[in-house]
Amino acid sequence: IVNIYLIVFLYRQYKKKEEKKAIEEEEEKDADTWYPINDEQSRYKGEWKDGVPHGKGIKEVFEADVDSCGQPRCWSIIEGSFVNGCAEGYCKQTYKKEAGGDGQELYEGEFHNGKHHGQGAYYFDDGSYHKGSFKEGYEHGVGYYYYPKKNNTWVGEFDKNRKTRGRWIDGELYNKE
């Protein structure tokens, strides 16, 4: 009998904790305040829905050796639209400026489910850039890559960041936007 009362007591405590957590998640969040998300792997300020980033906002991703999927993770800021916690639609992602790098690495373009996906431009810190199609975070499909050290541009197709069909041309294509 004592064990049954103890089990009932512990179950009620557990339910109270879950209810309190649900109420806290439903509370209105200030769009101008940073809140930790993803087990404190990042933080976010902006619009929310059902306790997750949803709408216009800014997400800061903290640097780590690897993320929860085992992928290397570097510091970045993503500005744009979010759906169910992930960058979606047109966004801008700026990366940590590396020591010795000439410029700032950034991606500007379409996102889907938190990854570069659709049309976009990735600018590398050495002055090179890729403009064209991206798929699930990779340069994939038709695009071009400018390499300033040799002042030439690859025009063609890409498959998961690899140049596949196309050719190098001298100089830079005019479209600098």
N, C-alpha and C. Protein backbone atom coordinates (compact mmCIF):
# COMPACT_ATOMS: atom_id res chain seq x y z
N ILE A 1 0.83 -1.19 0.00
CA ILE A 1 0.00 0.00 0.00
C ILE A 1 0.87 1.26 0.00
N VAL A 2 1.92 1.28 0.79
CA VAL A 2 2.80 2.44 0.83
C VAL A 2 3.42 2.68 -0.55
N ASN A 3 3.81 1.63 -1.23
CA ASN A 3 4.40 1.77 -2.56
C ASN A 3 3.42 2.38 -3.56
N ILE A 4 2.15 2.03 -3.47
CA ILE A 4 1.14 2.58 -4.37
C ILE A 4 1.02 4.09 -4.13
N TYR A 5 0.96 4.51 -2.86
CA TYR A 5 0.88 5.94 -2.56
C TYR A 5 2.11 6.68 -3.07
N LEU A 6 3.26 6.07 -2.92
CA LEU A 6 4.49 6.68 -3.40
C LEU A 6 4.46 6.83 -4.92
N ILE A 7 4.00 5.82 -5.61
CA ILE A 7 3.91 5.86 -7.07
C ILE A 7 2.93 6.95 -7.51
N VAL A 8 1.78 7.02 -6.85
CA VAL A 8 0.78 8.04 -7.18
C VAL A 8 1.36 9.43 -6.92
N PHE A 9 2.03 9.61 -5.80
CA PHE A 9 2.64 10.90 -5.45
C PHE A 9 3.67 11.30 -6.51
N LEU A 10 4.56 10.39 -6.88
CA LEU A 10 5.59 10.69 -7.87
C LEU A 10 4.98 10.99 -9.24
N TYR A 11 3.94 10.27 -9.60
CA TYR A 11 3.26 10.50 -10.87
C TYR A 11 2.65 11.91 -10.89
N ARG A 12 2.01 12.32 -9.81
CA ARG A 12 1.41 13.66 -9.73
C ARG A 12 2.47 14.75 -9.82
N GLN A 13 3.62 14.52 -9.18
CA GLN A 13 4.72 15.49 -9.25
C GLN A 13 5.23 15.62 -10.69
N TYR A 14 5.34 14.48 -11.33
CA TYR A 14 5.77 14.45 -12.73
C TYR A 14 4.79 15.23 -13.61
N LYS A 15 3.49 15.00 -13.44
CA LYS A 15 2.47 15.69 -14.24
C LYS A 15 2.51 17.20 -14.00
N LYS A 16 2.70 17.61 -12.73
CA LYS A 16 2.78 19.05 -12.43
C LYS A 16 3.97 19.67 -13.16
N LYS A 17 5.10 18.96 -13.15
CA LYS A 17 6.29 19.46 -13.83
C LYS A 17 6.04 19.61 -15.33
N GLU A 18 5.39 18.62 -15.94
CA GLU A 18 5.09 18.66 -17.36
C GLU A 18 4.13 19.79 -17.69
N GLU A 19 3.13 20.01 -16.86
CA GLU A 19 2.17 21.08 -17.07
C GLU A 19 2.85 22.44 -16.97
N LYS A 20 3.74 22.59 -15.98
CA LYS A 20 4.47 23.84 -15.81
C LYS A 20 5.35 24.11 -17.04
N LYS A 21 6.02 23.09 -17.54
CA LYS A 21 6.87 23.21 -18.72
C LYS A 21 6.03 23.63 -19.94
N ALA A 22 4.86 23.02 -20.11
CA ALA A 22 3.99 23.35 -21.23
C ALA A 22 3.50 24.80 -21.15
N ILE A 23 3.19 25.26 -19.95
CA ILE A 23 2.74 26.64 -19.75
C ILE A 23 3.86 27.61 -20.08
N GLU A 24 5.08 27.30 -19.64
CA GLU A 24 6.23 28.16 -19.93
C GLU A 24 6.49 28.25 -21.43
N GLU A 25 6.35 27.14 -22.15
CA GLU A 25 6.57 27.13 -23.59
C GLU A 25 5.49 27.93 -24.32
N GLU A 26 4.29 27.97 -23.76
CA GLU A 26 3.19 28.68 -24.40
C GLU A 26 3.22 30.18 -24.11
N GLU A 27 4.02 30.59 -23.09
CA GLU A 27 4.07 32.00 -22.74
C GLU A 27 4.53 32.83 -23.91
N GLU A 28 4.03 34.02 -23.97
CA GLU A 28 4.42 34.96 -25.02
C GLU A 28 5.88 35.34 -24.81
N LYS A 29 6.66 35.25 -25.89
CA LYS A 29 8.08 35.59 -25.80
C LYS A 29 8.30 36.96 -26.43
N ASP A 30 9.19 37.72 -25.83
CA ASP A 30 9.53 39.05 -26.34
C ASP A 30 10.39 38.88 -27.59
N ALA A 31 9.97 39.46 -28.70
CA ALA A 31 10.68 39.32 -29.98
C ALA A 31 12.04 40.00 -29.98
N ASP A 32 12.30 40.87 -29.00
CA ASP A 32 13.59 41.58 -28.93
C ASP A 32 14.53 40.99 -27.88
N THR A 33 14.21 39.82 -27.37
CA THR A 33 15.04 39.17 -26.34
C THR A 33 15.61 37.88 -26.89
N TRP A 34 16.89 37.64 -26.60
CA TRP A 34 17.52 36.38 -26.99
C TRP A 34 17.08 35.26 -26.06
N TYR A 35 16.71 34.11 -26.64
CA TYR A 35 16.34 32.92 -25.88
C TYR A 35 17.18 31.73 -26.36
N PRO A 36 17.69 30.92 -25.42
CA PRO A 36 18.44 29.72 -25.85
C PRO A 36 17.50 28.71 -26.50
N ILE A 37 17.99 28.03 -27.54
CA ILE A 37 17.23 26.98 -28.21
C ILE A 37 18.15 25.81 -28.54
N ASN A 38 17.57 24.70 -28.97
CA ASN A 38 18.32 23.51 -29.38
C ASN A 38 19.32 23.08 -28.31
N ASP A 39 18.84 22.87 -27.10
CA ASP A 39 19.70 22.48 -25.98
C ASP A 39 20.89 23.42 -25.82
N GLU A 40 20.62 24.71 -26.00
CA GLU A 40 21.59 25.79 -25.86
C GLU A 40 22.74 25.69 -26.86
N GLN A 41 22.50 25.03 -28.02
CA GLN A 41 23.48 25.03 -29.11
C GLN A 41 23.37 26.32 -29.92
N SER A 42 22.29 27.06 -29.69
CA SER A 42 22.08 28.32 -30.40
C SER A 42 21.13 29.18 -29.58
N ARG A 43 20.93 30.40 -30.06
CA ARG A 43 19.95 31.28 -29.43
C ARG A 43 19.22 32.03 -30.53
N TYR A 44 18.04 32.58 -30.16
CA TYR A 44 17.15 33.16 -31.17
C TYR A 44 16.40 34.34 -30.58
N LYS A 45 16.19 35.35 -31.43
CA LYS A 45 15.25 36.41 -31.07
C LYS A 45 14.43 36.72 -32.30
N GLY A 46 13.13 36.87 -32.07
CA GLY A 46 12.22 37.13 -33.17
C GLY A 46 10.85 36.59 -32.85
N GLU A 47 10.11 36.24 -33.90
CA GLU A 47 8.75 35.75 -33.75
C GLU A 47 8.75 34.26 -33.40
N TRP A 48 7.72 33.87 -32.61
CA TRP A 48 7.60 32.49 -32.12
C TRP A 48 6.21 31.94 -32.42
N LYS A 49 6.13 30.61 -32.47
CA LYS A 49 4.84 29.93 -32.56
C LYS A 49 5.00 28.57 -31.89
N ASP A 50 4.14 28.27 -30.96
CA ASP A 50 4.16 26.99 -30.24
C ASP A 50 5.52 26.70 -29.62
N GLY A 51 6.19 27.75 -29.11
CA GLY A 51 7.45 27.56 -28.39
C GLY A 51 8.68 27.39 -29.27
N VAL A 52 8.55 27.56 -30.59
CA VAL A 52 9.71 27.45 -31.47
C VAL A 52 9.80 28.68 -32.38
N PRO A 53 11.01 29.00 -32.86
CA PRO A 53 11.15 30.13 -33.79
C PRO A 53 10.26 29.93 -35.01
N HIS A 54 9.46 30.96 -35.30
CA HIS A 54 8.52 30.86 -36.42
C HIS A 54 8.15 32.27 -36.85
N GLY A 55 8.61 32.68 -38.03
CA GLY A 55 8.39 34.03 -38.51
C GLY A 55 9.74 34.71 -38.70
N LYS A 56 9.76 36.03 -38.70
CA LYS A 56 11.00 36.79 -38.89
C LYS A 56 11.82 36.73 -37.61
N GLY A 57 13.16 36.55 -37.78
CA GLY A 57 14.02 36.52 -36.62
C GLY A 57 15.48 36.38 -36.97
N ILE A 58 16.29 36.28 -35.90
CA ILE A 58 17.73 36.12 -36.01
C ILE A 58 18.15 34.96 -35.13
N LYS A 59 18.92 34.04 -35.69
CA LYS A 59 19.40 32.88 -34.95
C LYS A 59 20.93 32.91 -34.93
N GLU A 60 21.50 32.79 -33.75
CA GLU A 60 22.94 32.68 -33.60
C GLU A 60 23.27 31.22 -33.29
N VAL A 61 24.09 30.61 -34.15
CA VAL A 61 24.50 29.22 -33.98
C VAL A 61 25.88 29.23 -33.34
N PHE A 62 26.01 28.56 -32.19
CA PHE A 62 27.28 28.55 -31.48
C PHE A 62 28.25 27.54 -32.09
N GLU A 63 29.53 27.84 -32.00
CA GLU A 63 30.56 26.96 -32.54
C GLU A 63 30.71 25.73 -31.66
N ALA A 64 30.97 24.59 -32.31
CA ALA A 64 31.22 23.34 -31.60
C ALA A 64 32.00 22.41 -32.52
N ASP A 65 32.67 21.43 -31.94
CA ASP A 65 33.39 20.46 -32.76
C ASP A 65 32.43 19.76 -33.70
N VAL A 66 31.30 19.30 -33.16
CA VAL A 66 30.28 18.64 -33.97
C VAL A 66 28.91 18.99 -33.41
N ASP A 67 27.88 18.92 -34.27
CA ASP A 67 26.51 19.14 -33.81
C ASP A 67 25.88 17.81 -33.43
N SER A 68 24.59 17.82 -33.15
CA SER A 68 23.91 16.61 -32.71
C SER A 68 23.88 15.53 -33.80
N CYS A 69 24.15 15.91 -35.04
CA CYS A 69 24.18 14.94 -36.16
C CYS A 69 25.60 14.49 -36.47
N GLY A 70 26.59 14.97 -35.69
CA GLY A 70 27.97 14.58 -35.93
C GLY A 70 28.69 15.43 -36.96
N GLN A 71 28.05 16.52 -37.42
CA GLN A 71 28.65 17.40 -38.42
C GLN A 71 29.39 18.55 -37.71
N PRO A 72 30.54 18.98 -38.26
CA PRO A 72 31.23 20.13 -37.67
C PRO A 72 30.30 21.35 -37.70
N ARG A 73 30.38 22.15 -36.66
CA ARG A 73 29.50 23.32 -36.58
C ARG A 73 30.33 24.55 -36.25
N CYS A 74 30.25 25.56 -37.11
CA CYS A 74 30.96 26.80 -36.85
C CYS A 74 29.95 27.89 -36.49
N TRP A 75 30.46 28.95 -35.89
CA TRP A 75 29.61 30.05 -35.46
C TRP A 75 29.03 30.75 -36.69
N SER A 76 27.75 31.11 -36.61
CA SER A 76 27.13 31.91 -37.67
C SER A 76 25.89 32.61 -37.14
N ILE A 77 25.45 33.58 -37.90
CA ILE A 77 24.19 34.31 -37.63
C ILE A 77 23.31 34.13 -38.87
N ILE A 78 22.07 33.71 -38.65
CA ILE A 78 21.10 33.58 -39.74
C ILE A 78 20.00 34.61 -39.50
N GLU A 79 19.78 35.47 -40.50
CA GLU A 79 18.73 36.48 -40.43
C GLU A 79 17.70 36.19 -41.52
N GLY A 80 16.44 36.13 -41.14
CA GLY A 80 15.41 35.90 -42.14
C GLY A 80 14.16 35.30 -41.55
N SER A 81 13.57 34.37 -42.29
CA SER A 81 12.32 33.72 -41.89
C SER A 81 12.59 32.32 -41.36
N PHE A 82 11.78 31.94 -40.38
CA PHE A 82 11.91 30.62 -39.77
C PHE A 82 10.54 29.95 -39.73
N VAL A 83 10.54 28.64 -39.97
CA VAL A 83 9.32 27.85 -39.90
C VAL A 83 9.64 26.64 -39.02
N ASN A 84 8.89 26.48 -37.94
CA ASN A 84 9.09 25.37 -37.00
C ASN A 84 10.54 25.25 -36.55
N GLY A 85 11.20 26.39 -36.32
CA GLY A 85 12.55 26.41 -35.78
C GLY A 85 13.66 26.40 -36.80
N CYS A 86 13.35 26.23 -38.10
CA CYS A 86 14.38 26.15 -39.14
C CYS A 86 14.28 27.33 -40.10
N ALA A 87 15.45 27.77 -40.59
CA ALA A 87 15.48 28.83 -41.60
C ALA A 87 14.72 28.35 -42.83
N GLU A 88 13.88 29.23 -43.38
CA GLU A 88 13.02 28.86 -44.51
C GLU A 88 12.81 30.09 -45.39
N GLY A 89 12.93 29.92 -46.71
CA GLY A 89 12.76 31.04 -47.62
C GLY A 89 14.06 31.82 -47.73
N TYR A 90 13.97 33.09 -48.07
CA TYR A 90 15.16 33.92 -48.26
C TYR A 90 15.75 34.33 -46.91
N CYS A 91 17.06 34.03 -46.73
CA CYS A 91 17.77 34.39 -45.50
C CYS A 91 19.21 34.76 -45.84
N LYS A 92 19.88 35.33 -44.86
CA LYS A 92 21.30 35.66 -44.98
C LYS A 92 22.02 35.01 -43.80
N GLN A 93 23.09 34.24 -44.09
CA GLN A 93 23.87 33.58 -43.04
C GLN A 93 25.30 34.09 -43.12
N THR A 94 25.75 34.72 -42.04
CA THR A 94 27.10 35.26 -41.95
C THR A 94 27.91 34.39 -40.99
N TYR A 95 29.11 34.00 -41.42
CA TYR A 95 29.95 33.11 -40.64
C TYR A 95 31.04 33.86 -39.89
N LYS A 96 31.62 33.20 -38.93
CA LYS A 96 32.70 33.74 -38.13
C LYS A 96 33.87 34.12 -39.04
N LYS A 97 34.41 35.31 -38.82
CA LYS A 97 35.58 35.75 -39.57
C LYS A 97 36.80 35.00 -39.04
N GLU A 98 37.45 34.27 -39.92
CA GLU A 98 38.61 33.46 -39.53
C GLU A 98 39.87 34.32 -39.50
N ALA A 99 40.77 34.00 -38.58
CA ALA A 99 42.05 34.70 -38.51
C ALA A 99 42.81 34.46 -39.81
N GLY A 100 43.33 35.51 -40.38
CA GLY A 100 44.08 35.40 -41.63
C GLY A 100 43.22 35.47 -42.87
N GLY A 101 41.90 35.40 -42.71
CA GLY A 101 41.00 35.50 -43.86
C GLY A 101 40.91 36.93 -44.34
N ASP A 102 40.75 37.12 -45.64
CA ASP A 102 40.68 38.47 -46.20
C ASP A 102 39.30 39.09 -46.02
N GLY A 103 38.27 38.29 -46.04
CA GLY A 103 36.92 38.83 -46.01
C GLY A 103 36.02 38.06 -45.08
N GLN A 104 34.73 38.30 -45.22
CA GLN A 104 33.71 37.67 -44.39
C GLN A 104 32.98 36.62 -45.22
N GLU A 105 32.90 35.40 -44.73
CA GLU A 105 32.16 34.36 -45.43
C GLU A 105 30.68 34.52 -45.16
N LEU A 106 29.87 34.40 -46.23
CA LEU A 106 28.43 34.48 -46.02
C LEU A 106 27.68 33.79 -47.16
N TYR A 107 26.46 33.40 -46.83
CA TYR A 107 25.53 32.84 -47.82
C TYR A 107 24.31 33.73 -47.81
N GLU A 108 23.82 34.04 -48.99
CA GLU A 108 22.61 34.84 -49.12
C GLU A 108 21.75 34.17 -50.18
N GLY A 109 20.55 33.75 -49.77
CA GLY A 109 19.69 33.08 -50.72
C GLY A 109 18.60 32.28 -50.04
N GLU A 110 18.12 31.27 -50.75
CA GLU A 110 17.00 30.48 -50.28
C GLU A 110 17.45 29.36 -49.33
N PHE A 111 16.61 29.12 -48.33
CA PHE A 111 16.79 28.04 -47.37
C PHE A 111 15.56 27.14 -47.41
N HIS A 112 15.77 25.89 -47.08
CA HIS A 112 14.66 24.97 -46.85
C HIS A 112 15.06 24.04 -45.71
N ASN A 113 14.23 23.98 -44.70
CA ASN A 113 14.48 23.12 -43.53
C ASN A 113 15.85 23.38 -42.91
N GLY A 114 16.26 24.66 -42.87
CA GLY A 114 17.50 25.05 -42.21
C GLY A 114 18.75 24.90 -43.05
N LYS A 115 18.62 24.50 -44.31
CA LYS A 115 19.80 24.31 -45.17
C LYS A 115 19.71 25.19 -46.40
N HIS A 116 20.89 25.52 -46.97
CA HIS A 116 20.93 26.26 -48.23
C HIS A 116 20.25 25.39 -49.28
N HIS A 117 19.19 25.91 -49.88
CA HIS A 117 18.40 25.09 -50.81
C HIS A 117 17.62 26.01 -51.73
N GLY A 118 17.94 25.96 -53.02
CA GLY A 118 17.31 26.84 -54.00
C GLY A 118 18.38 27.74 -54.60
N GLN A 119 18.01 28.93 -55.01
CA GLN A 119 18.97 29.86 -55.61
C GLN A 119 19.65 30.68 -54.52
N GLY A 120 20.97 30.85 -54.66
CA GLY A 120 21.70 31.62 -53.67
C GLY A 120 23.11 31.93 -54.11
N ALA A 121 23.82 32.63 -53.24
CA ALA A 121 25.22 32.99 -53.48
C ALA A 121 26.00 32.76 -52.19
N TYR A 122 27.13 32.06 -52.32
CA TYR A 122 28.01 31.82 -51.18
C TYR A 122 29.32 32.55 -51.46
N TYR A 123 29.68 33.48 -50.57
CA TYR A 123 30.90 34.27 -50.71
C TYR A 123 31.93 33.74 -49.71
N PHE A 124 33.08 33.31 -50.21
CA PHE A 124 34.14 32.77 -49.37
C PHE A 124 35.07 33.90 -48.92
N ASP A 125 35.80 33.67 -47.83
CA ASP A 125 36.63 34.74 -47.26
C ASP A 125 37.86 35.08 -48.12
N ASP A 126 38.17 34.26 -49.12
CA ASP A 126 39.31 34.55 -49.99
C ASP A 126 38.91 35.37 -51.23
N GLY A 127 37.65 35.77 -51.32
CA GLY A 127 37.17 36.56 -52.45
C GLY A 127 36.49 35.73 -53.53
N SER A 128 36.58 34.42 -53.45
CA SER A 128 35.87 33.57 -54.41
C SER A 128 34.40 33.49 -54.02
N TYR A 129 33.57 33.09 -54.98
CA TYR A 129 32.15 32.95 -54.68
C TYR A 129 31.49 31.96 -55.64
N HIS A 130 30.39 31.40 -55.17
CA HIS A 130 29.55 30.51 -55.99
C HIS A 130 28.17 31.14 -56.05
N LYS A 131 27.63 31.23 -57.26
CA LYS A 131 26.26 31.70 -57.44
C LYS A 131 25.53 30.66 -58.27
N GLY A 132 24.33 30.31 -57.83
CA GLY A 132 23.56 29.34 -58.57
C GLY A 132 22.66 28.53 -57.66
N SER A 133 22.50 27.25 -58.00
CA SER A 133 21.60 26.35 -57.28
C SER A 133 22.29 25.66 -56.11
N PHE A 134 21.52 25.50 -55.05
CA PHE A 134 21.96 24.76 -53.87
C PHE A 134 20.90 23.71 -53.55
N LYS A 135 21.35 22.59 -53.03
CA LYS A 135 20.41 21.54 -52.63
C LYS A 135 20.90 20.92 -51.34
N GLU A 136 20.07 20.97 -50.30
CA GLU A 136 20.36 20.39 -48.99
C GLU A 136 21.74 20.79 -48.45
N GLY A 137 22.10 22.06 -48.67
CA GLY A 137 23.35 22.59 -48.12
C GLY A 137 24.53 22.51 -49.06
N TYR A 138 24.38 21.92 -50.22
CA TYR A 138 25.48 21.77 -51.17
C TYR A 138 25.27 22.64 -52.40
N GLU A 139 26.40 23.02 -53.07
CA GLU A 139 26.34 23.59 -54.41
C GLU A 139 25.89 22.44 -55.29
N HIS A 140 24.74 22.57 -55.91
CA HIS A 140 24.18 21.45 -56.65
C HIS A 140 23.27 21.96 -57.76
N GLY A 141 23.59 21.60 -58.99
CA GLY A 141 22.82 22.07 -60.14
C GLY A 141 23.64 23.09 -60.92
N VAL A 142 22.97 23.94 -61.67
CA VAL A 142 23.64 24.91 -62.53
C VAL A 142 24.09 26.12 -61.72
N GLY A 143 25.31 26.59 -62.02
CA GLY A 143 25.82 27.77 -61.34
C GLY A 143 27.19 28.14 -61.87
N TYR A 144 27.81 29.11 -61.21
CA TYR A 144 29.18 29.46 -61.56
C TYR A 144 29.98 29.78 -60.31
N TYR A 145 31.30 29.58 -60.43
CA TYR A 145 32.22 29.75 -59.32
C TYR A 145 33.37 30.63 -59.80
N TYR A 146 33.56 31.77 -59.15
CA TYR A 146 34.65 32.67 -59.51
C TYR A 146 35.84 32.42 -58.58
N TYR A 147 37.03 32.28 -59.20
CA TYR A 147 38.26 32.02 -58.47
C TYR A 147 39.21 33.20 -58.71
N PRO A 148 39.32 34.16 -57.76
CA PRO A 148 40.07 35.39 -58.02
C PRO A 148 41.58 35.21 -58.16
N LYS A 149 42.16 34.21 -57.52
CA LYS A 149 43.62 34.05 -57.61
C LYS A 149 44.08 33.80 -59.04
N LYS A 150 43.24 33.14 -59.83
CA LYS A 150 43.58 32.89 -61.24
C LYS A 150 42.71 33.73 -62.18
N ASN A 151 41.83 34.53 -61.60
CA ASN A 151 40.90 35.36 -62.36
C ASN A 151 40.18 34.56 -63.44
N ASN A 152 39.57 33.45 -63.00
CA ASN A 152 38.75 32.69 -63.93
C ASN A 152 37.49 32.19 -63.25
N THR A 153 36.52 31.79 -64.06
CA THR A 153 35.20 31.40 -63.56
C THR A 153 34.81 30.06 -64.15
N TRP A 154 34.39 29.15 -63.27
CA TRP A 154 33.82 27.87 -63.71
C TRP A 154 32.34 28.10 -63.98
N VAL A 155 31.88 27.73 -65.17
CA VAL A 155 30.48 27.85 -65.52
C VAL A 155 29.99 26.45 -65.87
N GLY A 156 28.98 25.99 -65.18
CA GLY A 156 28.48 24.65 -65.49
C GLY A 156 27.62 24.07 -64.39
N GLU A 157 27.78 22.77 -64.19
CA GLU A 157 26.97 22.04 -63.22
C GLU A 157 27.81 21.59 -62.04
N PHE A 158 27.14 21.50 -60.90
CA PHE A 158 27.76 21.07 -59.66
C PHE A 158 26.97 19.90 -59.09
N ASP A 159 27.69 19.00 -58.43
CA ASP A 159 27.05 17.86 -57.76
C ASP A 159 27.67 17.76 -56.38
N LYS A 160 26.91 18.13 -55.36
CA LYS A 160 27.39 18.12 -53.97
C LYS A 160 28.77 18.77 -53.83
N ASN A 161 28.87 20.03 -54.25
CA ASN A 161 30.06 20.88 -54.17
C ASN A 161 31.16 20.51 -55.17
N ARG A 162 30.95 19.51 -56.01
CA ARG A 162 31.96 19.14 -57.01
C ARG A 162 31.56 19.71 -58.36
N LYS A 163 32.55 20.26 -59.07
CA LYS A 163 32.31 20.74 -60.43
C LYS A 163 32.22 19.50 -61.32
N THR A 164 31.14 19.36 -62.08
CA THR A 164 30.97 18.16 -62.90
C THR A 164 31.07 18.49 -64.39
N ARG A 165 30.04 19.03 -64.97
CA ARG A 165 30.06 19.37 -66.40
C ARG A 165 30.09 20.88 -66.55
N GLY A 166 31.02 21.37 -67.37
CA GLY A 166 31.15 22.79 -67.60
C GLY A 166 32.55 23.11 -68.07
N ARG A 167 32.91 24.37 -67.92
CA ARG A 167 34.26 24.76 -68.33
C ARG A 167 34.68 26.03 -67.61
N TRP A 168 36.00 26.24 -67.60
CA TRP A 168 36.58 27.46 -67.05
C TRP A 168 36.62 28.50 -68.15
N ILE A 169 36.29 29.74 -67.80
CA ILE A 169 36.45 30.86 -68.73
C ILE A 169 37.33 31.90 -68.06
N ASP A 170 38.01 32.70 -68.88
CA ASP A 170 38.88 33.75 -68.34
C ASP A 170 38.05 34.88 -67.76
N GLY A 171 38.51 35.42 -66.65
CA GLY A 171 37.89 36.58 -66.05
C GLY A 171 36.69 36.24 -65.18
N GLU A 172 36.06 37.31 -64.72
CA GLU A 172 34.91 37.22 -63.85
C GLU A 172 33.66 37.57 -64.64
N LEU A 173 32.59 36.83 -64.41
CA LEU A 173 31.32 37.19 -65.05
C LEU A 173 30.89 38.53 -64.49
N TYR A 174 30.18 39.31 -65.27
CA TYR A 174 29.83 40.67 -64.89
C TYR A 174 28.93 40.76 -63.67
N ASN A 175 28.02 39.82 -63.45
CA ASN A 175 27.00 39.90 -62.41
C ASN A 175 27.62 39.87 -61.01
N LYS A 176 27.94 41.02 -60.43
CA LYS A 176 28.52 41.11 -59.08
C LYS A 176 27.46 41.27 -57.99
N GLU A 177 26.18 41.31 -58.33
CA GLU A 177 25.13 41.55 -57.32
C GLU A 177 24.89 40.32 -56.50
